[in-house]
Amino acid sequence: MGVSFAKGSELFDQVKAFFFDLDGCVYFTETLALRADTLVERLKQEGKKVGFITNNSRLRAYEVKAKLHNLGLDIPSEHIFTATDYTGLYLKKKYGNKRVKSVGSVGLSAALATAGHDLLPLDAEEQADIVVVGRDITFSYATLERIAKELDRGALLIGVNADGCHPGSQGERIPETGALIAAIEAVSGRKAEYVGKPEPHLFLYGMQAFGCSEQESVMIGDNYYTDITGGKHAGMHTVWIRSESANPASLAERDSNDWPKANYVYATIAELLESLKL
């Protein structure tokens, strides 16, 4: 696993920002990971910046802040970087303000509107430039038909995040945006452009906000593809929290592909805390 990452080591001193994934890493639906609160507090005591980079495509930063507070973590909204919030900013930067139809949460629609885009209802006759898809817990056959129609008319397909699922509190698989996108791609023959991890955009957004370089930043997460591969491609140090519910198929794919290796691997957040000797 490389050189020591414990307190007092050269690498620990070099790293200024610790970025964590949320679902499956810091919490499991409504349950905080064991000793996650202690780890965050002790990192702050060491003068480290602590942020959260999440592919959550339903909640905005202030909503995540409230959830973390209820779980015992007090984190400023500006230290929480969500795919929900960033998608609208990313589209504005790359394409300008556009007519957008979105599928997902009220928070996603609000974030797109806040970024300056013109939000249209999915069933509106007016043609959209872009269809944005987040995790939609009421996704239906009719929704699929409407999106396919919009793409046939020339709209771009944007996926907020590529995750096929995320782990629930009991280790069950919760369907995610990537699963919905797979159905849309199968029907339309079009490929989605993704904003969230493992694309570099959220990682860079977080590092820029903290004023830290890649070598001064570490990404900690449970999803090897989105957190570790994405973090490594963004130039960051990486820590993989290998959860017991890790998908065997995805692990086999990791081992058989030329994916970059995580710098450090731990079974739990508590084990990471112990290893850091904080």
Protein backbone atom coordinates (compact mmCIF):
# COMPACT_ATOMS: atom_id res chain seq x y z
CA MET A 1 0.00 0.00 0.00
CA GLY A 2 2.97 2.30 -0.36
CA VAL A 3 4.58 4.62 2.18
CA SER A 4 3.07 5.32 5.58
CA PHE A 5 0.04 7.60 5.69
CA ALA A 6 -0.03 7.89 9.49
CA LYS A 7 0.17 11.17 11.38
CA GLY A 8 3.74 12.47 11.27
CA SER A 9 4.55 10.85 7.94
CA GLU A 10 5.72 12.92 5.00
CA LEU A 11 2.55 12.09 3.02
CA PHE A 12 0.20 13.00 5.88
CA ASP A 13 1.96 16.34 6.25
CA GLN A 14 1.76 16.93 2.49
CA VAL A 15 -1.98 16.32 2.23
CA LYS A 16 -4.03 19.39 3.11
CA ALA A 17 -7.51 18.28 2.01
CA PHE A 18 -9.38 15.07 2.80
CA PHE A 19 -12.39 14.50 0.54
CA PHE A 20 -14.92 11.81 1.42
CA ASP A 21 -17.67 10.11 -0.52
CA LEU A 22 -20.95 9.85 1.40
CA ASP A 23 -23.28 6.89 0.69
CA GLY A 24 -21.50 3.64 1.49
CA CYS A 25 -18.53 5.45 3.01
CA VAL A 26 -19.44 8.06 5.64
CA TYR A 27 -23.02 6.86 6.05
CA PHE A 28 -25.33 4.07 4.98
CA THR A 29 -28.70 5.65 4.13
CA GLU A 30 -29.56 6.95 7.63
CA THR A 31 -26.74 5.37 9.68
CA LEU A 32 -23.38 7.06 10.25
CA ALA A 33 -20.34 4.86 9.63
CA LEU A 34 -18.66 3.80 12.87
CA ARG A 35 -16.23 6.49 14.12
CA ALA A 36 -16.75 8.72 11.05
CA ASP A 37 -17.50 11.65 13.37
CA THR A 38 -14.27 11.04 15.31
CA LEU A 39 -12.20 10.86 12.12
CA VAL A 40 -13.61 14.13 10.77
CA GLU A 41 -13.10 15.95 14.06
CA ARG A 42 -9.52 14.75 14.51
CA LEU A 43 -8.59 15.68 10.95
CA LYS A 44 -9.88 19.19 11.62
CA GLN A 45 -7.84 19.32 14.82
CA GLU A 46 -4.77 18.52 12.72
CA GLY A 47 -5.53 21.55 10.54
CA LYS A 48 -6.77 19.51 7.58
CA LYS A 49 -9.58 20.65 5.32
CA VAL A 50 -12.44 18.16 5.18
CA GLY A 51 -14.85 18.07 2.26
CA PHE A 52 -17.41 15.74 0.75
CA ILE A 53 -17.64 14.94 -2.95
CA THR A 54 -20.83 13.07 -3.69
CA ASN A 55 -22.62 11.76 -6.75
CA ASN A 56 -25.92 12.24 -4.94
CA SER A 57 -28.20 13.51 -7.69
CA ARG A 58 -31.24 14.27 -5.53
CA LEU A 59 -29.95 16.48 -2.71
CA ARG A 60 -28.33 19.91 -2.79
CA ALA A 61 -25.46 20.86 -0.48
CA TYR A 62 -27.69 22.51 2.13
CA GLU A 63 -29.85 19.38 2.25
CA VAL A 64 -26.80 17.15 2.68
CA LYS A 65 -25.62 19.50 5.44
CA ALA A 66 -28.92 19.00 7.27
CA LYS A 67 -28.69 15.23 6.89
CA LEU A 68 -25.12 15.15 8.19
CA HIS A 69 -26.13 17.35 11.12
CA ASN A 70 -28.87 14.88 12.03
CA LEU A 71 -26.26 12.11 11.94
CA GLY A 72 -23.88 14.05 14.21
CA LEU A 73 -21.59 15.82 11.71
CA ASP A 74 -21.57 19.63 11.43
CA ILE A 75 -20.22 20.49 7.99
CA PRO A 76 -20.59 23.86 6.18
CA SER A 77 -22.56 23.72 2.93
CA GLU A 78 -19.58 25.18 1.07
CA HIS A 79 -17.55 22.07 1.97
CA ILE A 80 -20.09 19.76 0.33
CA PHE A 81 -19.77 19.27 -3.43
CA THR A 82 -22.78 17.50 -4.91
CA ALA A 83 -23.43 16.38 -8.46
CA THR A 84 -26.91 17.88 -8.02
CA ASP A 85 -25.53 21.39 -7.53
CA TYR A 86 -22.67 21.16 -9.99
CA THR A 87 -24.55 19.85 -13.04
CA GLY A 88 -26.16 23.18 -13.82
CA LEU A 89 -22.84 25.02 -13.42
CA TYR A 90 -21.07 22.48 -15.63
CA LEU A 91 -23.66 22.82 -18.40
CA LYS A 92 -23.53 26.62 -18.24
CA LYS A 93 -19.74 26.60 -18.48
CA LYS A 94 -19.66 24.17 -21.41
CA TYR A 95 -22.84 25.01 -23.34
CA GLY A 96 -24.17 28.29 -21.96
CA ASN A 97 -27.68 28.73 -20.61
CA LYS A 98 -30.00 26.25 -22.32
CA ARG A 99 -33.58 24.99 -22.43
CA VAL A 100 -33.51 21.96 -20.17
CA LYS A 101 -35.91 19.17 -19.29
CA SER A 102 -34.91 17.31 -16.14
CA VAL A 103 -35.81 13.97 -14.62
CA GLY A 104 -35.10 13.46 -10.94
CA SER A 105 -35.66 15.52 -7.80
CA VAL A 106 -37.03 18.95 -7.02
CA GLY A 107 -33.52 19.82 -5.82
CA LEU A 108 -32.00 18.97 -9.20
CA SER A 109 -34.53 21.14 -11.04
CA ALA A 110 -33.92 24.00 -8.59
CA ALA A 111 -30.14 23.75 -9.05
CA LEU A 112 -30.49 23.86 -12.84
CA ALA A 113 -32.74 26.92 -12.61
CA THR A 114 -30.36 28.62 -10.16
CA ALA A 115 -27.56 28.17 -12.71
CA GLY A 116 -29.64 30.15 -15.21
CA HIS A 117 -31.14 27.45 -17.41
CA ASP A 118 -34.70 27.61 -18.75
CA LEU A 119 -36.55 24.64 -17.19
CA LEU A 120 -39.29 23.03 -19.28
CA PRO A 121 -41.72 20.30 -18.18
CA LEU A 122 -40.84 16.90 -19.62
CA ASP A 123 -44.18 16.68 -21.42
CA ALA A 124 -44.01 20.22 -22.86
CA GLU A 125 -44.25 20.49 -26.65
CA GLU A 126 -41.41 23.01 -26.71
CA GLN A 127 -38.17 21.32 -27.66
CA ALA A 128 -35.32 21.18 -25.14
CA ASP A 129 -31.64 21.53 -25.90
CA ILE A 130 -30.68 19.15 -23.09
CA VAL A 131 -32.34 16.39 -21.07
CA VAL A 132 -30.77 15.97 -17.62
CA VAL A 133 -31.32 12.69 -15.77
CA GLY A 134 -30.72 12.17 -12.05
CA ARG A 135 -31.97 9.45 -9.71
CA ASP A 136 -35.72 9.46 -10.20
CA ILE A 137 -37.51 7.23 -7.69
CA THR A 138 -40.76 7.50 -9.70
CA PHE A 139 -39.18 6.70 -13.08
CA SER A 140 -41.75 5.05 -15.38
CA TYR A 141 -42.27 3.63 -18.84
CA ALA A 142 -43.99 6.88 -19.82
CA THR A 143 -40.93 8.85 -18.66
CA LEU A 144 -38.71 6.62 -20.78
CA GLU A 145 -40.90 7.23 -23.83
CA ARG A 146 -40.85 11.01 -23.35
CA ILE A 147 -37.08 11.13 -22.96
CA ALA A 148 -36.56 8.99 -26.07
CA LYS A 149 -38.84 11.33 -28.02
CA GLU A 150 -36.88 14.37 -26.84
CA LEU A 151 -33.58 12.79 -27.83
CA ASP A 152 -35.00 11.94 -31.27
CA ARG A 153 -35.70 15.66 -31.65
CA GLY A 154 -32.02 16.41 -31.10
CA ALA A 155 -31.62 17.03 -27.36
CA LEU A 156 -28.35 16.12 -25.63
CA LEU A 157 -28.53 13.44 -22.91
CA ILE A 158 -26.78 14.38 -19.67
CA GLY A 159 -26.45 11.96 -16.76
CA VAL A 160 -25.83 13.55 -13.38
CA ASN A 161 -23.93 10.45 -12.20
CA ALA A 162 -22.98 7.08 -13.63
CA ASP A 163 -23.56 4.86 -10.56
CA GLY A 164 -25.72 1.83 -11.25
CA CYS A 165 -26.58 1.51 -7.56
CA HIS A 166 -25.46 2.50 -4.08
CA PRO A 167 -25.50 0.43 -0.87
CA GLY A 168 -28.39 0.81 1.57
CA SER A 169 -28.25 0.54 5.36
CA GLN A 170 -28.47 -3.26 5.21
CA GLY A 171 -26.14 -3.65 2.25
CA GLU A 172 -29.00 -3.85 -0.24
CA ARG A 173 -28.53 -2.28 -3.67
CA ILE A 174 -30.43 0.97 -4.22
CA PRO A 175 -30.96 1.65 -7.97
CA GLU A 176 -29.15 4.76 -9.15
CA THR A 177 -29.03 7.14 -12.10
CA GLY A 178 -26.74 4.91 -14.16
CA ALA A 179 -29.37 2.18 -14.21
CA LEU A 180 -31.95 4.61 -15.62
CA ILE A 181 -29.46 5.95 -18.17
CA ALA A 182 -28.78 2.37 -19.35
CA ALA A 183 -32.45 1.98 -20.23
CA ILE A 184 -32.53 5.34 -22.01
CA GLU A 185 -29.41 4.51 -24.02
CA ALA A 186 -30.85 1.12 -24.99
CA VAL A 187 -34.05 2.71 -26.32
CA SER A 188 -32.54 5.79 -27.96
CA GLY A 189 -29.23 4.51 -29.24
CA ARG A 190 -27.68 7.67 -27.79
CA LYS A 191 -24.85 7.84 -25.27
CA ALA A 192 -25.04 10.03 -22.19
CA GLU A 193 -22.48 12.59 -21.15
CA TYR A 194 -21.83 12.33 -17.41
CA VAL A 195 -21.05 15.13 -14.97
CA GLY A 196 -20.36 13.32 -11.68
CA LYS A 197 -17.62 10.92 -10.63
CA PRO A 198 -15.56 9.28 -12.14
CA GLU A 199 -15.42 12.27 -14.51
CA PRO A 200 -12.88 14.81 -13.20
CA HIS A 201 -15.28 17.76 -12.86
CA LEU A 202 -16.43 17.32 -9.24
CA PHE A 203 -12.93 16.48 -8.01
CA LEU A 204 -11.49 19.60 -9.63
CA TYR A 205 -14.37 21.70 -8.36
CA GLY A 206 -13.69 20.59 -4.78
CA MET A 207 -9.93 21.05 -4.98
CA GLN A 208 -10.30 24.50 -6.51
CA ALA A 209 -12.73 25.53 -3.78
CA PHE A 210 -10.22 24.45 -1.13
CA GLY A 211 -7.24 25.97 -2.96
CA CYS A 212 -5.40 22.64 -2.95
CA SER A 213 -3.45 20.86 -5.66
CA GLU A 214 -3.93 17.23 -6.65
CA GLN A 215 -0.90 16.13 -4.62
CA GLU A 216 -2.28 17.96 -1.58
CA SER A 217 -5.61 16.12 -1.81
CA VAL A 218 -6.86 12.63 -1.03
CA MET A 219 -10.15 11.04 -2.11
CA ILE A 220 -11.70 8.47 0.21
CA GLY A 221 -14.59 6.33 -0.99
CA ASP A 222 -16.17 2.90 -1.27
CA ASN A 223 -16.96 2.80 -5.00
CA TYR A 224 -13.79 1.74 -6.78
CA TYR A 225 -14.89 2.94 -10.20
CA THR A 226 -16.26 6.36 -9.28
CA ASP A 227 -14.15 7.30 -6.25
CA ILE A 228 -10.81 5.57 -6.78
CA THR A 229 -10.47 5.45 -10.56
CA GLY A 230 -11.93 8.94 -10.81
CA GLY A 231 -9.75 10.32 -8.04
CA LYS A 232 -6.59 8.80 -9.52
CA HIS A 233 -7.37 10.16 -12.98
CA ALA A 234 -7.83 13.58 -11.35
CA GLY A 235 -4.30 13.22 -9.91
CA MET A 236 -5.32 12.72 -6.26
CA HIS A 237 -4.12 10.27 -3.63
CA THR A 238 -6.83 7.66 -2.99
CA VAL A 239 -8.12 5.56 -0.11
CA TRP A 240 -10.53 2.74 -0.89
CA ILE A 241 -12.99 1.73 1.83
CA ARG A 242 -13.72 -1.80 0.71
CA SER A 243 -17.23 -2.41 2.03
CA GLU A 244 -18.52 -5.90 2.74
CA SER A 245 -21.33 -5.24 0.26
CA ALA A 246 -18.95 -4.54 -2.64
CA ASN A 247 -20.31 -5.99 -5.88
CA PRO A 248 -18.26 -9.14 -6.74
CA ALA A 249 -18.73 -8.48 -10.46
CA SER A 250 -17.34 -4.96 -10.17
CA LEU A 251 -14.39 -6.24 -8.11
CA ALA A 252 -13.62 -8.83 -10.77
CA GLU A 253 -13.76 -6.09 -13.40
CA ARG A 254 -11.37 -3.98 -11.31
CA ASP A 255 -8.89 -6.84 -11.11
CA SER A 256 -9.09 -7.70 -14.82
CA ASN A 257 -8.78 -4.15 -16.16
CA ASP A 258 -5.96 -1.65 -16.16
CA TRP A 259 -7.67 0.48 -13.54
CA PRO A 260 -5.27 2.50 -11.38
CA LYS A 261 -4.62 1.00 -7.96
CA ALA A 262 -5.74 2.73 -4.80
CA ASN A 263 -2.89 4.07 -2.66
CA TYR A 264 -4.48 2.61 0.47
CA VAL A 265 -7.20 0.06 1.20
CA TYR A 266 -9.17 -0.30 4.43
CA ALA A 267 -12.24 -2.30 5.35
CA THR A 268 -13.94 0.55 7.24
CA ILE A 269 -13.66 4.21 8.18
CA ALA A 270 -12.82 3.08 11.72
CA GLU A 271 -9.86 1.09 10.38
CA LEU A 272 -8.65 4.15 8.47
CA LEU A 273 -8.82 6.23 11.66
CA GLU A 274 -6.76 3.65 13.54
CA SER A 275 -4.17 3.50 10.74
CA LEU A 276 -3.77 7.30 10.69
CA LYS A 277 -2.95 7.20 14.44
CA LEU A 278 -4.86 10.41 15.13
